[in-house]
Amino acid sequence: MGEKTIYTIGRQFGSGGRAIGRRLAEHLHIPYYDKELLSISAKDSGLSESLFQNADEKPTSSLLYSLAMGNYPMATGALGFNEMPLNDQLFLIQSKTIKKIADQGSCVIIGRCADFILRDDPDVVSVFIHAPLAARVYRAVHVYEIDQDKAEDICLKSDKTRANFYNYYSDMKWGMCRTYDLSLDSASLGIEGCIEMILDYTEIFKKHRAQDGERVE
């Protein structure tokens, strides 16, 4: 693993994944990318940013296309770019943006299948942040200011949308521990505890990779 480190952070709604990612980036003095990816992708492609906002972390809505292409449509390459549903075209554009950003140096990237898109990059540390539903509902109400009677439903529906997006565009399962390098319970560890764990893991991972490199040489 080189000096560069790309942190990708998947998260359950209300788990504090965004806050952890932002604080991690601030601590390391590296760029943080969340909604910023949408504006960069729009600028790179010349398309309207609203298109990326409307499709953000949502799979294609084309049922016939999904049925025709199977469970992993993006892997088949059966259709040309212009024949794909709009959401799939936007995903490919955003994937190029994520790869370009990762090439530029260390950063934190929130969601959007970044861990899968960068799966062949040896400088990636992929993290998933989760928490019990009660803790996520509490955060949704007291931090995001969502109505108490809507908070649980929003948490569950948001997670379902993110899972559908991830599972549709990757060959892995959203939220499953084996999908990520590190899976952390933010309710047990807290924001700062999660950051500490990520930094500790990175240090051990870099040391282990360096030792492997010495053995190969």
N, C-alpha and C. Protein backbone atom coordinates (compact mmCIF):
# COMPACT_ATOMS: atom_id res chain seq x y z
N MET A 1 0.84 -1.19 0.00
CA MET A 1 0.00 0.00 0.00
C MET A 1 0.87 1.24 0.00
N GLY A 2 0.60 2.17 -0.90
CA GLY A 2 1.41 3.37 -1.00
C GLY A 2 1.04 4.41 0.04
N GLU A 3 1.62 5.61 -0.15
CA GLU A 3 1.34 6.71 0.77
C GLU A 3 -0.11 7.17 0.65
N LYS A 4 -0.66 6.99 -0.54
CA LYS A 4 -2.05 7.37 -0.78
C LYS A 4 -3.00 6.37 -0.13
N THR A 5 -4.09 6.88 0.46
CA THR A 5 -5.14 6.01 0.99
C THR A 5 -6.50 6.57 0.60
N ILE A 6 -7.31 5.75 -0.04
CA ILE A 6 -8.67 6.13 -0.42
C ILE A 6 -9.62 5.43 0.54
N TYR A 7 -10.39 6.20 1.29
CA TYR A 7 -11.37 5.63 2.22
C TYR A 7 -12.75 5.68 1.57
N THR A 8 -13.37 4.53 1.40
CA THR A 8 -14.74 4.48 0.92
C THR A 8 -15.63 4.10 2.10
N ILE A 9 -16.73 4.82 2.26
CA ILE A 9 -17.59 4.60 3.43
C ILE A 9 -19.02 4.35 2.99
N GLY A 10 -19.46 3.10 3.19
CA GLY A 10 -20.87 2.77 3.04
C GLY A 10 -21.53 2.96 4.39
N ARG A 11 -22.83 3.18 4.41
CA ARG A 11 -23.46 3.46 5.71
C ARG A 11 -24.96 3.22 5.68
N GLN A 12 -25.46 2.75 6.82
CA GLN A 12 -26.90 2.70 7.03
C GLN A 12 -27.38 4.13 7.31
N PHE A 13 -28.62 4.40 6.95
CA PHE A 13 -29.18 5.72 7.20
C PHE A 13 -29.28 5.95 8.71
N GLY A 14 -28.76 7.08 9.16
CA GLY A 14 -28.82 7.41 10.58
C GLY A 14 -27.67 6.85 11.39
N SER A 15 -26.72 6.20 10.74
CA SER A 15 -25.60 5.60 11.48
C SER A 15 -24.47 6.60 11.74
N GLY A 16 -24.54 7.77 11.09
CA GLY A 16 -23.48 8.75 11.26
C GLY A 16 -22.32 8.55 10.30
N GLY A 17 -22.52 7.77 9.25
CA GLY A 17 -21.46 7.49 8.30
C GLY A 17 -20.90 8.74 7.65
N ARG A 18 -21.78 9.66 7.31
CA ARG A 18 -21.31 10.91 6.69
C ARG A 18 -20.48 11.72 7.68
N ALA A 19 -20.94 11.82 8.91
CA ALA A 19 -20.21 12.57 9.93
C ALA A 19 -18.84 11.95 10.17
N ILE A 20 -18.79 10.63 10.20
CA ILE A 20 -17.52 9.93 10.40
C ILE A 20 -16.58 10.21 9.23
N GLY A 21 -17.11 10.13 8.01
CA GLY A 21 -16.29 10.39 6.84
C GLY A 21 -15.76 11.81 6.81
N ARG A 22 -16.61 12.76 7.15
CA ARG A 22 -16.19 14.17 7.13
C ARG A 22 -15.13 14.43 8.20
N ARG A 23 -15.35 13.90 9.40
CA ARG A 23 -14.38 14.11 10.48
C ARG A 23 -13.06 13.41 10.16
N LEU A 24 -13.12 12.25 9.55
CA LEU A 24 -11.92 11.53 9.15
C LEU A 24 -11.12 12.37 8.14
N ALA A 25 -11.82 12.92 7.17
CA ALA A 25 -11.15 13.75 6.16
C ALA A 25 -10.53 14.99 6.80
N GLU A 26 -11.25 15.60 7.73
CA GLU A 26 -10.71 16.78 8.41
C GLU A 26 -9.48 16.42 9.22
N HIS A 27 -9.54 15.28 9.91
CA HIS A 27 -8.41 14.84 10.74
C HIS A 27 -7.16 14.61 9.89
N LEU A 28 -7.34 14.03 8.70
CA LEU A 28 -6.22 13.68 7.84
C LEU A 28 -5.87 14.80 6.85
N HIS A 29 -6.70 15.84 6.82
CA HIS A 29 -6.50 16.97 5.89
C HIS A 29 -6.50 16.48 4.44
N ILE A 30 -7.51 15.68 4.12
CA ILE A 30 -7.66 15.17 2.76
C ILE A 30 -9.06 15.52 2.25
N PRO A 31 -9.27 15.51 0.94
CA PRO A 31 -10.59 15.86 0.39
C PRO A 31 -11.68 14.89 0.81
N TYR A 32 -12.89 15.43 0.90
CA TYR A 32 -14.08 14.66 1.26
C TYR A 32 -15.08 14.78 0.12
N TYR A 33 -15.61 13.65 -0.34
CA TYR A 33 -16.54 13.66 -1.46
C TYR A 33 -17.83 12.93 -1.10
N ASP A 34 -18.92 13.66 -1.20
CA ASP A 34 -20.25 13.08 -0.99
C ASP A 34 -21.11 13.61 -2.13
N LYS A 35 -21.95 14.58 -1.86
CA LYS A 35 -22.74 15.20 -2.92
C LYS A 35 -21.86 15.91 -3.94
N GLU A 36 -20.62 16.23 -3.52
CA GLU A 36 -19.69 16.88 -4.43
C GLU A 36 -19.45 16.05 -5.69
N LEU A 37 -19.57 14.72 -5.56
CA LEU A 37 -19.39 13.84 -6.71
C LEU A 37 -20.39 14.13 -7.81
N LEU A 38 -21.59 14.56 -7.42
CA LEU A 38 -22.63 14.83 -8.40
C LEU A 38 -22.29 16.02 -9.26
N SER A 39 -21.83 17.09 -8.62
CA SER A 39 -21.50 18.30 -9.38
C SER A 39 -20.27 18.08 -10.25
N ILE A 40 -19.29 17.32 -9.74
CA ILE A 40 -18.09 17.03 -10.54
C ILE A 40 -18.45 16.17 -11.74
N SER A 41 -19.29 15.16 -11.54
CA SER A 41 -19.72 14.30 -12.64
C SER A 41 -20.49 15.09 -13.68
N ALA A 42 -21.33 16.00 -13.22
CA ALA A 42 -22.10 16.84 -14.15
C ALA A 42 -21.18 17.72 -14.98
N LYS A 43 -20.20 18.31 -14.31
CA LYS A 43 -19.26 19.17 -15.01
C LYS A 43 -18.43 18.38 -16.01
N ASP A 44 -17.97 17.18 -15.61
CA ASP A 44 -17.15 16.36 -16.50
C ASP A 44 -17.91 15.90 -17.74
N SER A 45 -19.19 15.63 -17.56
CA SER A 45 -20.00 15.07 -18.65
C SER A 45 -20.74 16.11 -19.46
N GLY A 46 -20.91 17.30 -18.88
CA GLY A 46 -21.69 18.33 -19.56
C GLY A 46 -23.18 18.17 -19.39
N LEU A 47 -23.60 17.23 -18.53
CA LEU A 47 -25.01 17.00 -18.26
C LEU A 47 -25.48 17.83 -17.08
N SER A 48 -26.78 17.94 -16.93
CA SER A 48 -27.35 18.71 -15.83
C SER A 48 -27.10 18.01 -14.49
N GLU A 49 -26.73 18.78 -13.48
CA GLU A 49 -26.50 18.20 -12.16
C GLU A 49 -27.78 17.59 -11.59
N SER A 50 -28.93 18.13 -11.97
CA SER A 50 -30.20 17.61 -11.47
C SER A 50 -30.42 16.16 -11.88
N LEU A 51 -29.89 15.77 -13.04
CA LEU A 51 -30.00 14.37 -13.47
C LEU A 51 -29.29 13.45 -12.49
N PHE A 52 -28.10 13.85 -12.07
CA PHE A 52 -27.34 13.05 -11.11
C PHE A 52 -28.00 13.06 -9.73
N GLN A 53 -28.57 14.20 -9.36
CA GLN A 53 -29.26 14.28 -8.07
C GLN A 53 -30.47 13.36 -8.02
N ASN A 54 -31.23 13.33 -9.11
CA ASN A 54 -32.44 12.50 -9.15
C ASN A 54 -32.12 11.01 -9.16
N ALA A 55 -30.94 10.66 -9.69
CA ALA A 55 -30.55 9.26 -9.79
C ALA A 55 -29.63 8.83 -8.65
N ASP A 56 -29.33 9.73 -7.73
CA ASP A 56 -28.30 9.49 -6.72
C ASP A 56 -28.60 8.26 -5.86
N GLU A 57 -27.72 7.27 -5.94
CA GLU A 57 -27.80 6.01 -5.19
C GLU A 57 -29.15 5.31 -5.38
N LYS A 58 -29.66 5.40 -6.62
CA LYS A 58 -30.89 4.68 -6.97
C LYS A 58 -30.60 3.82 -8.19
N PRO A 59 -31.05 2.55 -8.18
CA PRO A 59 -30.84 1.70 -9.35
C PRO A 59 -31.77 2.10 -10.48
N THR A 60 -31.54 1.55 -11.67
CA THR A 60 -32.41 1.85 -12.79
C THR A 60 -33.84 1.43 -12.47
N SER A 61 -34.80 2.20 -13.00
CA SER A 61 -36.21 1.88 -12.76
C SER A 61 -36.80 1.07 -13.91
N SER A 62 -35.96 0.66 -14.84
CA SER A 62 -36.44 -0.10 -15.99
C SER A 62 -36.58 -1.58 -15.64
N LEU A 63 -37.79 -2.02 -15.35
CA LEU A 63 -38.03 -3.41 -14.97
C LEU A 63 -37.71 -4.36 -16.12
N LEU A 64 -38.15 -4.01 -17.33
CA LEU A 64 -37.90 -4.89 -18.48
C LEU A 64 -36.40 -5.04 -18.73
N TYR A 65 -35.67 -3.94 -18.58
CA TYR A 65 -34.22 -4.00 -18.77
C TYR A 65 -33.60 -4.92 -17.72
N SER A 66 -34.03 -4.78 -16.47
CA SER A 66 -33.48 -5.60 -15.40
C SER A 66 -33.75 -7.08 -15.64
N LEU A 67 -34.96 -7.39 -16.08
CA LEU A 67 -35.31 -8.78 -16.33
C LEU A 67 -34.51 -9.34 -17.50
N ALA A 68 -34.30 -8.52 -18.51
CA ALA A 68 -33.58 -8.98 -19.70
C ALA A 68 -32.11 -9.21 -19.42
N MET A 69 -31.54 -8.38 -18.54
CA MET A 69 -30.10 -8.42 -18.31
C MET A 69 -29.70 -9.29 -17.13
N GLY A 70 -30.64 -9.69 -16.29
CA GLY A 70 -30.33 -10.57 -15.17
C GLY A 70 -29.96 -9.80 -13.93
N ASN A 71 -29.37 -10.50 -12.95
CA ASN A 71 -29.09 -9.90 -11.65
C ASN A 71 -27.93 -8.93 -11.67
N TYR A 72 -27.05 -9.04 -12.65
CA TYR A 72 -25.87 -8.19 -12.68
C TYR A 72 -25.73 -7.57 -14.06
N PRO A 73 -26.64 -6.68 -14.44
CA PRO A 73 -26.70 -6.17 -15.80
C PRO A 73 -25.47 -5.40 -16.21
N MET A 74 -24.82 -4.69 -15.28
CA MET A 74 -23.70 -3.84 -15.65
C MET A 74 -22.48 -4.65 -16.07
N ALA A 75 -22.46 -5.93 -15.72
CA ALA A 75 -21.29 -6.74 -16.01
C ALA A 75 -21.32 -7.37 -17.40
N THR A 76 -22.49 -7.35 -18.04
CA THR A 76 -22.62 -8.11 -19.27
C THR A 76 -22.06 -7.39 -20.48
N GLY A 77 -22.20 -6.05 -20.49
CA GLY A 77 -21.74 -5.28 -21.64
C GLY A 77 -22.55 -5.58 -22.89
N ALA A 78 -23.78 -6.11 -22.71
CA ALA A 78 -24.59 -6.51 -23.85
C ALA A 78 -25.10 -5.31 -24.64
N LEU A 79 -25.28 -4.18 -23.96
CA LEU A 79 -25.80 -3.00 -24.62
C LEU A 79 -24.74 -1.92 -24.70
N GLY A 80 -24.82 -1.11 -25.74
CA GLY A 80 -23.94 0.04 -25.84
C GLY A 80 -24.35 1.11 -24.85
N PHE A 81 -23.44 2.08 -24.62
CA PHE A 81 -23.69 3.12 -23.63
C PHE A 81 -25.00 3.85 -23.89
N ASN A 82 -25.24 4.26 -25.12
CA ASN A 82 -26.42 5.05 -25.44
C ASN A 82 -27.72 4.25 -25.39
N GLU A 83 -27.61 2.92 -25.37
CA GLU A 83 -28.80 2.07 -25.29
C GLU A 83 -29.21 1.78 -23.86
N MET A 84 -28.34 2.10 -22.92
CA MET A 84 -28.63 1.83 -21.50
C MET A 84 -29.67 2.80 -20.95
N PRO A 85 -30.40 2.38 -19.91
CA PRO A 85 -31.26 3.32 -19.20
C PRO A 85 -30.43 4.48 -18.66
N LEU A 86 -31.04 5.63 -18.50
CA LEU A 86 -30.33 6.84 -18.10
C LEU A 86 -29.56 6.64 -16.80
N ASN A 87 -30.18 6.00 -15.80
CA ASN A 87 -29.49 5.81 -14.52
C ASN A 87 -28.18 5.03 -14.69
N ASP A 88 -28.18 4.06 -15.61
CA ASP A 88 -26.98 3.27 -15.83
C ASP A 88 -25.90 4.10 -16.51
N GLN A 89 -26.30 4.96 -17.44
CA GLN A 89 -25.34 5.86 -18.07
C GLN A 89 -24.73 6.79 -17.03
N LEU A 90 -25.57 7.31 -16.14
CA LEU A 90 -25.08 8.22 -15.11
C LEU A 90 -24.14 7.49 -14.15
N PHE A 91 -24.45 6.23 -13.85
CA PHE A 91 -23.57 5.45 -12.98
C PHE A 91 -22.19 5.30 -13.60
N LEU A 92 -22.13 5.01 -14.88
CA LEU A 92 -20.84 4.85 -15.55
C LEU A 92 -20.06 6.16 -15.57
N ILE A 93 -20.76 7.25 -15.80
CA ILE A 93 -20.10 8.56 -15.78
C ILE A 93 -19.54 8.84 -14.38
N GLN A 94 -20.37 8.58 -13.36
CA GLN A 94 -19.94 8.82 -11.98
C GLN A 94 -18.79 7.90 -11.59
N SER A 95 -18.79 6.69 -12.13
CA SER A 95 -17.68 5.75 -11.87
C SER A 95 -16.36 6.32 -12.38
N LYS A 96 -16.40 6.92 -13.56
CA LYS A 96 -15.19 7.53 -14.12
C LYS A 96 -14.71 8.68 -13.24
N THR A 97 -15.66 9.44 -12.71
CA THR A 97 -15.32 10.55 -11.81
C THR A 97 -14.66 10.02 -10.55
N ILE A 98 -15.21 8.96 -9.98
CA ILE A 98 -14.64 8.37 -8.76
C ILE A 98 -13.23 7.86 -9.01
N LYS A 99 -13.01 7.21 -10.14
CA LYS A 99 -11.66 6.72 -10.47
C LYS A 99 -10.69 7.88 -10.66
N LYS A 100 -11.15 8.94 -11.29
CA LYS A 100 -10.29 10.11 -11.51
C LYS A 100 -9.90 10.74 -10.18
N ILE A 101 -10.87 10.86 -9.27
CA ILE A 101 -10.61 11.43 -7.95
C ILE A 101 -9.61 10.56 -7.18
N ALA A 102 -9.81 9.24 -7.24
CA ALA A 102 -8.92 8.32 -6.53
C ALA A 102 -7.49 8.41 -7.07
N ASP A 103 -7.35 8.65 -8.36
CA ASP A 103 -6.02 8.77 -8.96
C ASP A 103 -5.28 10.01 -8.47
N GLN A 104 -6.02 11.00 -8.01
CA GLN A 104 -5.42 12.28 -7.63
C GLN A 104 -4.76 12.25 -6.26
N GLY A 105 -5.15 11.31 -5.40
CA GLY A 105 -4.55 11.23 -4.08
C GLY A 105 -5.52 10.79 -3.01
N SER A 106 -5.08 10.83 -1.77
CA SER A 106 -5.89 10.38 -0.63
C SER A 106 -7.19 11.18 -0.54
N CYS A 107 -8.26 10.51 -0.16
CA CYS A 107 -9.55 11.18 0.00
C CYS A 107 -10.52 10.25 0.72
N VAL A 108 -11.68 10.79 1.05
CA VAL A 108 -12.78 10.02 1.62
C VAL A 108 -13.96 10.13 0.66
N ILE A 109 -14.53 8.99 0.28
CA ILE A 109 -15.67 8.96 -0.64
C ILE A 109 -16.83 8.26 0.05
N ILE A 110 -17.97 8.93 0.07
CA ILE A 110 -19.16 8.39 0.74
C ILE A 110 -20.05 7.66 -0.26
N GLY A 111 -20.35 6.40 0.03
CA GLY A 111 -21.33 5.63 -0.73
C GLY A 111 -21.04 5.48 -2.21
N ARG A 112 -22.13 5.36 -2.99
CA ARG A 112 -22.11 5.35 -4.45
C ARG A 112 -21.26 4.23 -5.05
N CYS A 113 -21.21 3.09 -4.38
CA CYS A 113 -20.48 1.91 -4.87
C CYS A 113 -18.99 2.18 -5.06
N ALA A 114 -18.45 3.17 -4.37
CA ALA A 114 -17.04 3.53 -4.59
C ALA A 114 -16.11 2.37 -4.27
N ASP A 115 -16.43 1.59 -3.24
CA ASP A 115 -15.57 0.46 -2.89
C ASP A 115 -15.53 -0.57 -4.01
N PHE A 116 -16.67 -0.78 -4.67
CA PHE A 116 -16.73 -1.73 -5.78
C PHE A 116 -16.04 -1.15 -7.02
N ILE A 117 -16.29 0.09 -7.30
CA ILE A 117 -15.69 0.75 -8.46
C ILE A 117 -14.16 0.73 -8.35
N LEU A 118 -13.65 0.88 -7.14
CA LEU A 118 -12.20 0.94 -6.90
C LEU A 118 -11.65 -0.38 -6.36
N ARG A 119 -12.34 -1.47 -6.61
CA ARG A 119 -12.00 -2.76 -6.00
C ARG A 119 -10.61 -3.24 -6.37
N ASP A 120 -10.08 -2.80 -7.50
CA ASP A 120 -8.75 -3.24 -7.91
C ASP A 120 -7.64 -2.29 -7.47
N ASP A 121 -8.01 -1.25 -6.76
CA ASP A 121 -7.03 -0.26 -6.28
C ASP A 121 -6.47 -0.74 -4.94
N PRO A 122 -5.17 -1.00 -4.84
CA PRO A 122 -4.60 -1.51 -3.59
C PRO A 122 -4.55 -0.48 -2.47
N ASP A 123 -4.85 0.78 -2.79
CA ASP A 123 -4.79 1.84 -1.79
C ASP A 123 -6.14 2.16 -1.15
N VAL A 124 -7.12 1.29 -1.38
CA VAL A 124 -8.47 1.53 -0.86
C VAL A 124 -8.68 0.81 0.46
N VAL A 125 -9.26 1.52 1.42
CA VAL A 125 -9.76 0.93 2.67
C VAL A 125 -11.27 1.13 2.67
N SER A 126 -12.00 0.03 2.58
CA SER A 126 -13.46 0.12 2.51
C SER A 126 -14.07 -0.12 3.89
N VAL A 127 -14.98 0.78 4.26
CA VAL A 127 -15.58 0.76 5.59
C VAL A 127 -17.10 0.78 5.46
N PHE A 128 -17.78 0.03 6.33
CA PHE A 128 -19.24 0.11 6.41
C PHE A 128 -19.62 0.50 7.83
N ILE A 129 -20.44 1.54 7.95
CA ILE A 129 -20.90 2.02 9.26
C ILE A 129 -22.35 1.61 9.46
N HIS A 130 -22.60 0.95 10.57
CA HIS A 130 -23.96 0.51 10.88
C HIS A 130 -24.27 0.81 12.33
N ALA A 131 -25.51 0.61 12.72
CA ALA A 131 -25.94 0.82 14.11
C ALA A 131 -27.32 0.19 14.29
N PRO A 132 -27.70 -0.17 15.52
CA PRO A 132 -29.05 -0.68 15.75
C PRO A 132 -30.10 0.34 15.31
N LEU A 133 -31.26 -0.14 14.91
CA LEU A 133 -32.30 0.73 14.38
C LEU A 133 -32.68 1.83 15.36
N ALA A 134 -32.79 1.49 16.65
CA ALA A 134 -33.20 2.48 17.64
C ALA A 134 -32.22 3.66 17.69
N ALA A 135 -30.93 3.35 17.59
CA ALA A 135 -29.92 4.42 17.61
C ALA A 135 -30.01 5.26 16.35
N ARG A 136 -30.32 4.65 15.23
CA ARG A 136 -30.42 5.38 13.97
C ARG A 136 -31.66 6.26 13.93
N VAL A 137 -32.74 5.74 14.50
CA VAL A 137 -33.96 6.54 14.59
C VAL A 137 -33.72 7.76 15.48
N TYR A 138 -33.02 7.56 16.59
CA TYR A 138 -32.72 8.67 17.50
C TYR A 138 -31.91 9.74 16.77
N ARG A 139 -30.91 9.31 16.00
CA ARG A 139 -30.09 10.27 15.27
C ARG A 139 -30.91 10.98 14.19
N ALA A 140 -31.76 10.23 13.52
CA ALA A 140 -32.60 10.83 12.48
C ALA A 140 -33.48 11.94 13.06
N VAL A 141 -33.99 11.71 14.25
CA VAL A 141 -34.88 12.70 14.89
C VAL A 141 -34.08 13.89 15.43
N HIS A 142 -32.99 13.61 16.16
CA HIS A 142 -32.30 14.66 16.90
C HIS A 142 -31.17 15.34 16.12
N VAL A 143 -30.68 14.70 15.07
CA VAL A 143 -29.61 15.32 14.27
C VAL A 143 -30.14 15.77 12.91
N TYR A 144 -30.91 14.89 12.25
CA TYR A 144 -31.45 15.22 10.93
C TYR A 144 -32.77 15.97 11.02
N GLU A 145 -33.35 16.03 12.23
CA GLU A 145 -34.60 16.75 12.49
C GLU A 145 -35.76 16.19 11.67
N ILE A 146 -35.82 14.86 11.60
CA ILE A 146 -36.93 14.16 10.95
C ILE A 146 -38.02 13.91 11.98
N ASP A 147 -39.28 14.02 11.58
CA ASP A 147 -40.39 13.79 12.50
C ASP A 147 -40.30 12.41 13.13
N GLN A 148 -40.57 12.32 14.40
CA GLN A 148 -40.48 11.08 15.15
C GLN A 148 -41.30 9.97 14.50
N ASP A 149 -42.51 10.29 14.04
CA ASP A 149 -43.40 9.26 13.50
C ASP A 149 -42.99 8.80 12.10
N LYS A 150 -42.04 9.52 11.49
CA LYS A 150 -41.57 9.14 10.15
C LYS A 150 -40.16 8.56 10.15
N ALA A 151 -39.45 8.75 11.24
CA ALA A 151 -38.01 8.45 11.26
C ALA A 151 -37.70 6.98 10.98
N GLU A 152 -38.39 6.06 11.63
CA GLU A 152 -38.09 4.65 11.43
C GLU A 152 -38.36 4.23 9.99
N ASP A 153 -39.47 4.68 9.44
CA ASP A 153 -39.82 4.33 8.07
C ASP A 153 -38.77 4.87 7.09
N ILE A 154 -38.30 6.09 7.32
CA ILE A 154 -37.30 6.69 6.45
C ILE A 154 -35.97 5.93 6.54
N CYS A 155 -35.60 5.53 7.75
CA CYS A 155 -34.37 4.73 7.93
C CYS A 155 -34.44 3.44 7.12
N LEU A 156 -35.54 2.74 7.25
CA LEU A 156 -35.69 1.44 6.59
C LEU A 156 -35.77 1.57 5.07
N LYS A 157 -36.53 2.57 4.61
CA LYS A 157 -36.67 2.75 3.17
C LYS A 157 -35.36 3.24 2.54
N SER A 158 -34.65 4.11 3.23
CA SER A 158 -33.37 4.60 2.70
C SER A 158 -32.37 3.46 2.60
N ASP A 159 -32.34 2.60 3.61
CA ASP A 159 -31.44 1.44 3.57
C ASP A 159 -31.79 0.51 2.41
N LYS A 160 -33.08 0.32 2.19
CA LYS A 160 -33.51 -0.56 1.10
C LYS A 160 -33.09 0.01 -0.25
N THR A 161 -33.23 1.32 -0.42
CA THR A 161 -32.83 1.96 -1.67
C THR A 161 -31.33 1.84 -1.89
N ARG A 162 -30.55 2.09 -0.84
CA ARG A 162 -29.09 1.98 -0.95
C ARG A 162 -28.67 0.54 -1.24
N ALA A 163 -29.33 -0.40 -0.59
CA ALA A 163 -29.00 -1.81 -0.83
C ALA A 163 -29.33 -2.20 -2.26
N ASN A 164 -30.48 -1.78 -2.76
CA ASN A 164 -30.86 -2.10 -4.14
C ASN A 164 -29.87 -1.51 -5.14
N PHE A 165 -29.45 -0.29 -4.89
CA PHE A 165 -28.48 0.38 -5.76
C PHE A 165 -27.17 -0.39 -5.76
N TYR A 166 -26.66 -0.68 -4.58
CA TYR A 166 -25.36 -1.36 -4.46
C TYR A 166 -25.41 -2.76 -5.06
N ASN A 167 -26.45 -3.51 -4.72
CA ASN A 167 -26.56 -4.88 -5.20
C ASN A 167 -26.78 -4.94 -6.71
N TYR A 168 -27.43 -3.93 -7.26
CA TYR A 168 -27.70 -3.89 -8.69
C TYR A 168 -26.42 -3.62 -9.48
N TYR A 169 -25.59 -2.69 -9.00
CA TYR A 169 -24.43 -2.26 -9.76
C TYR A 169 -23.14 -3.00 -9.39
N SER A 170 -23.18 -3.83 -8.39
CA SER A 170 -21.98 -4.58 -8.01
C SER A 170 -22.29 -6.07 -7.98
N ASP A 171 -21.26 -6.87 -7.74
CA ASP A 171 -21.48 -8.31 -7.58
C ASP A 171 -21.30 -8.71 -6.11
N MET A 172 -21.53 -7.74 -5.22
CA MET A 172 -21.40 -8.00 -3.78
C MET A 172 -22.70 -7.59 -3.09
N LYS A 173 -22.79 -7.82 -1.79
CA LYS A 173 -23.99 -7.52 -1.04
C LYS A 173 -23.76 -6.34 -0.09
N TRP A 174 -24.62 -5.36 -0.20
CA TRP A 174 -24.55 -4.17 0.64
C TRP A 174 -24.74 -4.55 2.11
N GLY A 175 -23.85 -4.06 2.95
CA GLY A 175 -24.00 -4.24 4.39
C GLY A 175 -23.45 -5.53 4.95
N MET A 176 -23.07 -6.48 4.11
CA MET A 176 -22.53 -7.73 4.62
C MET A 176 -21.06 -7.55 4.95
N CYS A 177 -20.63 -8.07 6.10
CA CYS A 177 -19.28 -7.79 6.60
C CYS A 177 -18.19 -8.21 5.63
N ARG A 178 -18.38 -9.32 4.92
CA ARG A 178 -17.32 -9.79 4.03
C ARG A 178 -17.15 -8.90 2.80
N THR A 179 -18.09 -7.99 2.58
CA THR A 179 -17.99 -7.07 1.45
C THR A 179 -16.95 -5.98 1.71
N TYR A 180 -16.67 -5.69 2.98
CA TYR A 180 -15.83 -4.54 3.34
C TYR A 180 -14.59 -4.97 4.12
N ASP A 181 -13.61 -4.08 4.15
CA ASP A 181 -12.43 -4.32 4.98
C ASP A 181 -12.77 -4.20 6.46
N LEU A 182 -13.67 -3.28 6.76
CA LEU A 182 -13.96 -2.96 8.15
C LEU A 182 -15.45 -2.63 8.29
N SER A 183 -16.11 -3.24 9.27
CA SER A 183 -17.52 -2.97 9.55
C SER A 183 -17.65 -2.53 11.00
N LEU A 184 -18.18 -1.32 11.22
CA LEU A 184 -18.16 -0.72 12.56
C LEU A 184 -19.55 -0.31 13.03
N ASP A 185 -19.83 -0.59 14.30
CA ASP A 185 -21.09 -0.19 14.94
C ASP A 185 -20.88 1.17 15.58
N SER A 186 -21.44 2.21 14.98
CA SER A 186 -21.23 3.57 15.48
C SER A 186 -21.93 3.82 16.82
N ALA A 187 -22.96 3.03 17.12
CA ALA A 187 -23.63 3.19 18.41
C ALA A 187 -22.74 2.70 19.54
N SER A 188 -21.96 1.67 19.29
CA SER A 188 -21.06 1.12 20.31
C SER A 188 -19.77 1.92 20.42
N LEU A 189 -19.25 2.39 19.28
CA LEU A 189 -17.95 3.04 19.26
C LEU A 189 -18.02 4.56 19.32
N GLY A 190 -19.13 5.14 18.87
CA GLY A 190 -19.21 6.59 18.76
C GLY A 190 -18.48 7.09 17.53
N ILE A 191 -18.68 8.35 17.18
CA ILE A 191 -18.05 8.91 16.00
C ILE A 191 -16.53 8.86 16.11
N GLU A 192 -16.01 9.36 17.21
CA GLU A 192 -14.55 9.39 17.38
C GLU A 192 -13.96 7.99 17.49
N GLY A 193 -14.68 7.08 18.12
CA GLY A 193 -14.20 5.71 18.23
C GLY A 193 -14.09 5.04 16.87
N CYS A 194 -15.06 5.31 15.99
CA CYS A 194 -15.01 4.75 14.63
C CYS A 194 -13.81 5.30 13.87
N ILE A 195 -13.57 6.59 14.01
CA ILE A 195 -12.42 7.20 13.34
C ILE A 195 -11.12 6.58 13.85
N GLU A 196 -11.03 6.39 15.15
CA GLU A 196 -9.83 5.78 15.73
C GLU A 196 -9.62 4.37 15.20
N MET A 197 -10.70 3.61 15.09
CA MET A 197 -10.60 2.25 14.58
C MET A 197 -10.15 2.24 13.12
N ILE A 198 -10.68 3.16 12.33
CA ILE A 198 -10.30 3.24 10.91
C ILE A 198 -8.82 3.58 10.78
N LEU A 199 -8.35 4.52 11.58
CA LEU A 199 -6.94 4.91 11.53
C LEU A 199 -6.03 3.77 12.00
N ASP A 200 -6.45 3.09 13.06
CA ASP A 200 -5.66 1.95 13.55
C ASP A 200 -5.58 0.85 12.50
N TYR A 201 -6.72 0.57 11.88
CA TYR A 201 -6.76 -0.46 10.85
C TYR A 201 -5.84 -0.09 9.69
N THR A 202 -5.90 1.18 9.28
CA THR A 202 -5.07 1.63 8.16
C THR A 202 -3.59 1.45 8.46
N GLU A 203 -3.19 1.78 9.67
CA GLU A 203 -1.78 1.66 10.05
C GLU A 203 -1.33 0.20 10.00
N ILE A 204 -2.16 -0.69 10.55
CA ILE A 204 -1.83 -2.12 10.54
C ILE A 204 -1.81 -2.65 9.11
N PHE A 205 -2.78 -2.24 8.32
CA PHE A 205 -2.89 -2.70 6.93
C PHE A 205 -1.67 -2.26 6.12
N LYS A 206 -1.26 -1.01 6.29
CA LYS A 206 -0.08 -0.51 5.57
C LYS A 206 1.18 -1.27 5.98
N LYS A 207 1.31 -1.51 7.28
CA LYS A 207 2.49 -2.24 7.78
C LYS A 207 2.52 -3.65 7.21
N HIS A 208 1.36 -4.30 7.20
CA HIS A 208 1.28 -5.67 6.70
C HIS A 208 1.60 -5.71 5.21
N ARG A 209 1.06 -4.76 4.44
CA ARG A 209 1.33 -4.71 3.00
C ARG A 209 2.81 -4.45 2.73
N ALA A 210 3.42 -3.58 3.54
CA ALA A 210 4.85 -3.29 3.38
C ALA A 210 5.69 -4.54 3.63
N GLN A 211 5.31 -5.32 4.65
CA GLN A 211 6.03 -6.55 4.96
C GLN A 211 5.88 -7.57 3.84
N ASP A 212 4.67 -7.64 3.28
CA ASP A 212 4.46 -8.54 2.14
C ASP A 212 5.33 -8.15 0.97
N GLY A 213 5.45 -6.84 0.74
CA GLY A 213 6.28 -6.35 -0.36
C GLY A 213 7.74 -6.69 -0.16
N GLU A 214 8.22 -6.62 1.07
CA GLU A 214 9.61 -6.95 1.37
C GLU A 214 9.88 -8.44 1.14
N ARG A 215 8.89 -9.28 1.49
CA ARG A 215 9.06 -10.73 1.31
C ARG A 215 9.11 -11.08 -0.19
N VAL A 216 8.27 -10.38 -0.98
CA VAL A 216 8.23 -10.64 -2.43
C VAL A 216 9.55 -10.25 -3.06
N GLU A 217 10.13 -9.13 -2.63
CA GLU A 217 11.40 -8.65 -3.17
C GLU A 217 12.55 -9.59 -2.76
